[in-house]
Amino acid sequence: MVSRKPDPMPVPRAEGERGGVDRRRVALLLETAEVLAERARRTDDAAQAQVLLRRAAQRRAQAQRLAAAGRAPEPRRLTGAAWPGRLAPS
């Protein structure tokens, strides 16, 4: 019987690779903000629309803070008009 060598231990990510995770977080926050804003545009309930728009603004602000912390490059369009469909390329 041949003994097999165990798989090598996973290597922790280097600090420089952290930016990739933060870019994905920024993109997720911006995409979530867009979904919330779209829901606000479709609803007939003014109170619900207000809550959804506030939550969308919170997500955009959180993405902006994360990008401004220097841990992720700032996307081309962080705030402003909604992006149709998917996120705009950065």
N, C-alpha and C. Protein backbone atom coordinates (compact mmCIF):
# COMPACT_ATOMS: atom_id res chain seq x y z
N MET A 1 0.84 -1.19 0.00
CA MET A 1 0.00 0.00 0.00
C MET A 1 0.88 1.25 0.00
N VAL A 2 0.57 2.18 -0.88
CA VAL A 2 1.35 3.39 -1.02
C VAL A 2 0.72 4.49 -0.18
N SER A 3 1.54 5.11 0.65
CA SER A 3 0.99 6.21 1.45
C SER A 3 1.02 7.49 0.62
N ARG A 4 -0.04 8.23 0.73
CA ARG A 4 -0.16 9.46 -0.04
C ARG A 4 0.27 10.64 0.81
N LYS A 5 0.84 11.57 0.14
CA LYS A 5 1.26 12.81 0.78
C LYS A 5 0.03 13.66 1.07
N PRO A 6 -0.10 14.22 2.28
CA PRO A 6 -1.28 15.06 2.55
C PRO A 6 -1.24 16.33 1.70
N ASP A 7 -2.41 16.85 1.41
CA ASP A 7 -2.49 18.11 0.68
C ASP A 7 -1.82 19.21 1.48
N PRO A 8 -1.16 20.14 0.78
CA PRO A 8 -0.52 21.24 1.51
C PRO A 8 -1.56 22.11 2.20
N MET A 9 -1.14 22.72 3.27
CA MET A 9 -2.02 23.62 4.02
C MET A 9 -2.29 24.85 3.17
N PRO A 10 -3.52 25.38 3.22
CA PRO A 10 -3.80 26.61 2.47
C PRO A 10 -2.97 27.77 3.01
N VAL A 11 -2.49 28.56 2.11
CA VAL A 11 -1.66 29.70 2.48
C VAL A 11 -2.57 30.91 2.69
N PRO A 12 -2.39 31.64 3.79
CA PRO A 12 -3.22 32.85 3.99
C PRO A 12 -2.98 33.85 2.87
N ARG A 13 -4.00 34.58 2.54
CA ARG A 13 -3.88 35.59 1.49
C ARG A 13 -2.94 36.69 1.94
N ALA A 14 -2.18 37.16 0.97
CA ALA A 14 -1.30 38.29 1.24
C ALA A 14 -2.14 39.54 1.44
N GLU A 15 -1.58 40.51 2.10
CA GLU A 15 -2.31 41.74 2.39
C GLU A 15 -2.71 42.45 1.09
N GLY A 16 -1.90 42.33 0.06
CA GLY A 16 -2.21 42.98 -1.21
C GLY A 16 -3.43 42.38 -1.89
N GLU A 17 -3.75 41.13 -1.62
CA GLU A 17 -4.91 40.49 -2.23
C GLU A 17 -6.20 40.92 -1.57
N ARG A 18 -6.13 41.58 -0.48
CA ARG A 18 -7.32 42.02 0.26
C ARG A 18 -8.18 42.96 -0.59
N GLY A 19 -7.54 43.73 -1.46
CA GLY A 19 -8.27 44.68 -2.29
C GLY A 19 -9.33 44.02 -3.15
N GLY A 20 -9.06 42.81 -3.60
CA GLY A 20 -10.04 42.09 -4.42
C GLY A 20 -11.32 41.83 -3.66
N VAL A 21 -11.18 41.46 -2.41
CA VAL A 21 -12.35 41.22 -1.57
C VAL A 21 -13.12 42.51 -1.36
N ASP A 22 -12.41 43.60 -1.14
CA ASP A 22 -13.08 44.87 -0.91
C ASP A 22 -13.75 45.39 -2.18
N ARG A 23 -13.15 45.15 -3.34
CA ARG A 23 -13.80 45.57 -4.59
C ARG A 23 -15.12 44.82 -4.77
N ARG A 24 -15.10 43.54 -4.44
CA ARG A 24 -16.34 42.77 -4.54
C ARG A 24 -17.37 43.30 -3.56
N ARG A 25 -16.94 43.68 -2.37
CA ARG A 25 -17.86 44.22 -1.36
C ARG A 25 -18.46 45.54 -1.85
N VAL A 26 -17.64 46.40 -2.43
CA VAL A 26 -18.14 47.68 -2.96
C VAL A 26 -19.15 47.40 -4.07
N ALA A 27 -18.82 46.47 -4.97
CA ALA A 27 -19.74 46.15 -6.07
C ALA A 27 -21.05 45.58 -5.53
N LEU A 28 -20.96 44.72 -4.52
CA LEU A 28 -22.17 44.15 -3.93
C LEU A 28 -23.04 45.23 -3.29
N LEU A 29 -22.42 46.15 -2.57
CA LEU A 29 -23.18 47.23 -1.94
C LEU A 29 -23.86 48.10 -2.99
N LEU A 30 -23.14 48.41 -4.08
CA LEU A 30 -23.72 49.25 -5.13
C LEU A 30 -24.85 48.51 -5.86
N GLU A 31 -24.66 47.23 -6.09
CA GLU A 31 -25.71 46.47 -6.75
C GLU A 31 -26.95 46.36 -5.87
N THR A 32 -26.75 46.16 -4.58
CA THR A 32 -27.87 46.10 -3.64
C THR A 32 -28.60 47.44 -3.59
N ALA A 33 -27.85 48.54 -3.60
CA ALA A 33 -28.46 49.86 -3.61
C ALA A 33 -29.33 50.06 -4.85
N GLU A 34 -28.85 49.57 -5.99
CA GLU A 34 -29.63 49.70 -7.22
C GLU A 34 -30.92 48.90 -7.14
N VAL A 35 -30.85 47.69 -6.59
CA VAL A 35 -32.06 46.86 -6.45
C VAL A 35 -33.07 47.55 -5.53
N LEU A 36 -32.59 48.11 -4.43
CA LEU A 36 -33.48 48.80 -3.50
C LEU A 36 -34.12 50.02 -4.16
N ALA A 37 -33.33 50.78 -4.93
CA ALA A 37 -33.86 51.96 -5.61
C ALA A 37 -34.90 51.55 -6.66
N GLU A 38 -34.64 50.46 -7.36
CA GLU A 38 -35.61 49.98 -8.36
C GLU A 38 -36.91 49.57 -7.70
N ARG A 39 -36.82 48.91 -6.57
CA ARG A 39 -38.04 48.53 -5.83
C ARG A 39 -38.81 49.76 -5.38
N ALA A 40 -38.07 50.80 -4.98
CA ALA A 40 -38.72 52.04 -4.55
C ALA A 40 -39.47 52.68 -5.72
N ARG A 41 -38.88 52.62 -6.92
CA ARG A 41 -39.54 53.20 -8.09
C ARG A 41 -40.81 52.42 -8.47
N ARG A 42 -40.84 51.13 -8.19
CA ARG A 42 -41.98 50.31 -8.61
C ARG A 42 -43.13 50.30 -7.62
N THR A 43 -42.87 50.65 -6.37
CA THR A 43 -43.93 50.56 -5.36
C THR A 43 -44.88 51.74 -5.43
N ASP A 44 -46.12 51.50 -5.05
CA ASP A 44 -47.12 52.57 -4.98
C ASP A 44 -47.21 53.16 -3.57
N ASP A 45 -46.58 52.50 -2.60
CA ASP A 45 -46.62 52.94 -1.21
C ASP A 45 -45.51 53.95 -0.97
N ALA A 46 -45.89 55.19 -0.70
CA ALA A 46 -44.91 56.26 -0.53
C ALA A 46 -44.00 56.02 0.67
N ALA A 47 -44.55 55.49 1.76
CA ALA A 47 -43.74 55.23 2.95
C ALA A 47 -42.71 54.15 2.67
N GLN A 48 -43.11 53.11 1.98
CA GLN A 48 -42.17 52.04 1.65
C GLN A 48 -41.10 52.55 0.69
N ALA A 49 -41.49 53.37 -0.26
CA ALA A 49 -40.52 53.93 -1.21
C ALA A 49 -39.48 54.75 -0.48
N GLN A 50 -39.92 55.53 0.51
CA GLN A 50 -39.01 56.36 1.27
C GLN A 50 -38.00 55.50 2.03
N VAL A 51 -38.46 54.43 2.65
CA VAL A 51 -37.58 53.53 3.39
C VAL A 51 -36.58 52.87 2.44
N LEU A 52 -37.06 52.41 1.30
CA LEU A 52 -36.17 51.74 0.34
C LEU A 52 -35.12 52.70 -0.20
N LEU A 53 -35.50 53.93 -0.49
CA LEU A 53 -34.54 54.92 -0.96
C LEU A 53 -33.51 55.26 0.12
N ARG A 54 -33.96 55.33 1.36
CA ARG A 54 -33.02 55.59 2.47
C ARG A 54 -32.03 54.45 2.60
N ARG A 55 -32.51 53.22 2.50
CA ARG A 55 -31.62 52.06 2.59
C ARG A 55 -30.65 52.02 1.41
N ALA A 56 -31.12 52.40 0.23
CA ALA A 56 -30.23 52.46 -0.94
C ALA A 56 -29.13 53.50 -0.72
N ALA A 57 -29.51 54.65 -0.18
CA ALA A 57 -28.52 55.69 0.11
C ALA A 57 -27.50 55.22 1.15
N GLN A 58 -27.96 54.46 2.13
CA GLN A 58 -27.04 53.92 3.14
C GLN A 58 -26.04 52.97 2.50
N ARG A 59 -26.50 52.13 1.59
CA ARG A 59 -25.60 51.18 0.91
C ARG A 59 -24.57 51.93 0.07
N ARG A 60 -25.02 52.97 -0.65
CA ARG A 60 -24.08 53.76 -1.46
C ARG A 60 -23.05 54.47 -0.59
N ALA A 61 -23.51 55.00 0.55
CA ALA A 61 -22.58 55.68 1.46
C ALA A 61 -21.57 54.69 2.04
N GLN A 62 -22.02 53.50 2.37
CA GLN A 62 -21.12 52.48 2.90
C GLN A 62 -20.08 52.10 1.84
N ALA A 63 -20.50 51.95 0.61
CA ALA A 63 -19.57 51.63 -0.48
C ALA A 63 -18.56 52.76 -0.67
N GLN A 64 -19.03 53.99 -0.59
CA GLN A 64 -18.14 55.14 -0.74
C GLN A 64 -17.12 55.19 0.39
N ARG A 65 -17.56 54.91 1.63
CA ARG A 65 -16.62 54.89 2.77
C ARG A 65 -15.57 53.80 2.59
N LEU A 66 -15.99 52.64 2.14
CA LEU A 66 -15.07 51.53 1.94
C LEU A 66 -14.04 51.88 0.86
N ALA A 67 -14.50 52.46 -0.23
CA ALA A 67 -13.59 52.85 -1.30
C ALA A 67 -12.66 53.98 -0.85
N ALA A 68 -13.17 54.92 -0.07
CA ALA A 68 -12.37 56.05 0.39
C ALA A 68 -11.33 55.64 1.43
N ALA A 69 -11.55 54.50 2.08
CA ALA A 69 -10.59 54.04 3.10
C ALA A 69 -9.29 53.59 2.47
N GLY A 70 -9.25 53.57 1.12
CA GLY A 70 -8.02 53.19 0.45
C GLY A 70 -7.87 51.69 0.32
N ARG A 71 -8.87 50.96 0.74
CA ARG A 71 -8.77 49.51 0.67
C ARG A 71 -9.34 48.98 -0.63
N ALA A 72 -9.96 49.83 -1.40
CA ALA A 72 -10.52 49.40 -2.68
C ALA A 72 -10.52 50.60 -3.62
N PRO A 73 -10.23 50.38 -4.89
CA PRO A 73 -10.29 51.50 -5.83
C PRO A 73 -11.73 51.96 -6.00
N GLU A 74 -11.89 53.25 -6.12
CA GLU A 74 -13.25 53.80 -6.25
C GLU A 74 -13.79 53.52 -7.64
N PRO A 75 -15.01 52.99 -7.73
CA PRO A 75 -15.60 52.77 -9.05
C PRO A 75 -15.81 54.09 -9.76
N ARG A 76 -15.99 54.03 -11.08
CA ARG A 76 -16.18 55.26 -11.86
C ARG A 76 -17.39 56.05 -11.41
N ARG A 77 -18.50 55.35 -11.18
CA ARG A 77 -19.73 56.02 -10.75
C ARG A 77 -20.16 55.42 -9.43
N LEU A 78 -19.82 56.07 -8.34
CA LEU A 78 -20.15 55.53 -7.03
C LEU A 78 -21.53 55.99 -6.58
N THR A 79 -21.89 57.20 -6.94
CA THR A 79 -23.21 57.72 -6.57
C THR A 79 -23.84 58.34 -7.80
N GLY A 80 -25.07 58.69 -7.68
CA GLY A 80 -25.72 59.36 -8.79
C GLY A 80 -26.79 58.49 -9.41
N ALA A 81 -26.97 58.65 -10.70
CA ALA A 81 -28.04 57.97 -11.41
C ALA A 81 -27.86 56.46 -11.35
N ALA A 82 -28.95 55.76 -11.46
CA ALA A 82 -28.93 54.30 -11.39
C ALA A 82 -28.29 53.73 -12.65
N TRP A 83 -27.62 52.63 -12.47
CA TRP A 83 -27.04 51.92 -13.59
C TRP A 83 -28.05 50.93 -14.12
N PRO A 84 -28.39 50.98 -15.37
CA PRO A 84 -29.35 50.02 -15.90
C PRO A 84 -28.72 48.63 -15.96
N GLY A 85 -29.48 47.66 -15.54
CA GLY A 85 -29.00 46.28 -15.60
C GLY A 85 -27.88 46.01 -14.64
N ARG A 86 -26.75 45.64 -15.15
CA ARG A 86 -25.62 45.31 -14.31
C ARG A 86 -24.78 46.54 -14.00
N LEU A 87 -23.80 46.33 -13.14
CA LEU A 87 -22.92 47.43 -12.78
C LEU A 87 -22.09 47.87 -13.97
N ALA A 88 -21.81 49.15 -14.04
CA ALA A 88 -20.96 49.68 -15.09
C ALA A 88 -19.54 49.20 -14.88
N PRO A 89 -18.77 48.99 -15.92
CA PRO A 89 -17.39 48.55 -15.74
C PRO A 89 -16.58 49.64 -15.07
N SER A 90 -15.66 49.22 -14.23
CA SER A 90 -14.82 50.21 -13.55
C SER A 90 -13.38 50.08 -13.95
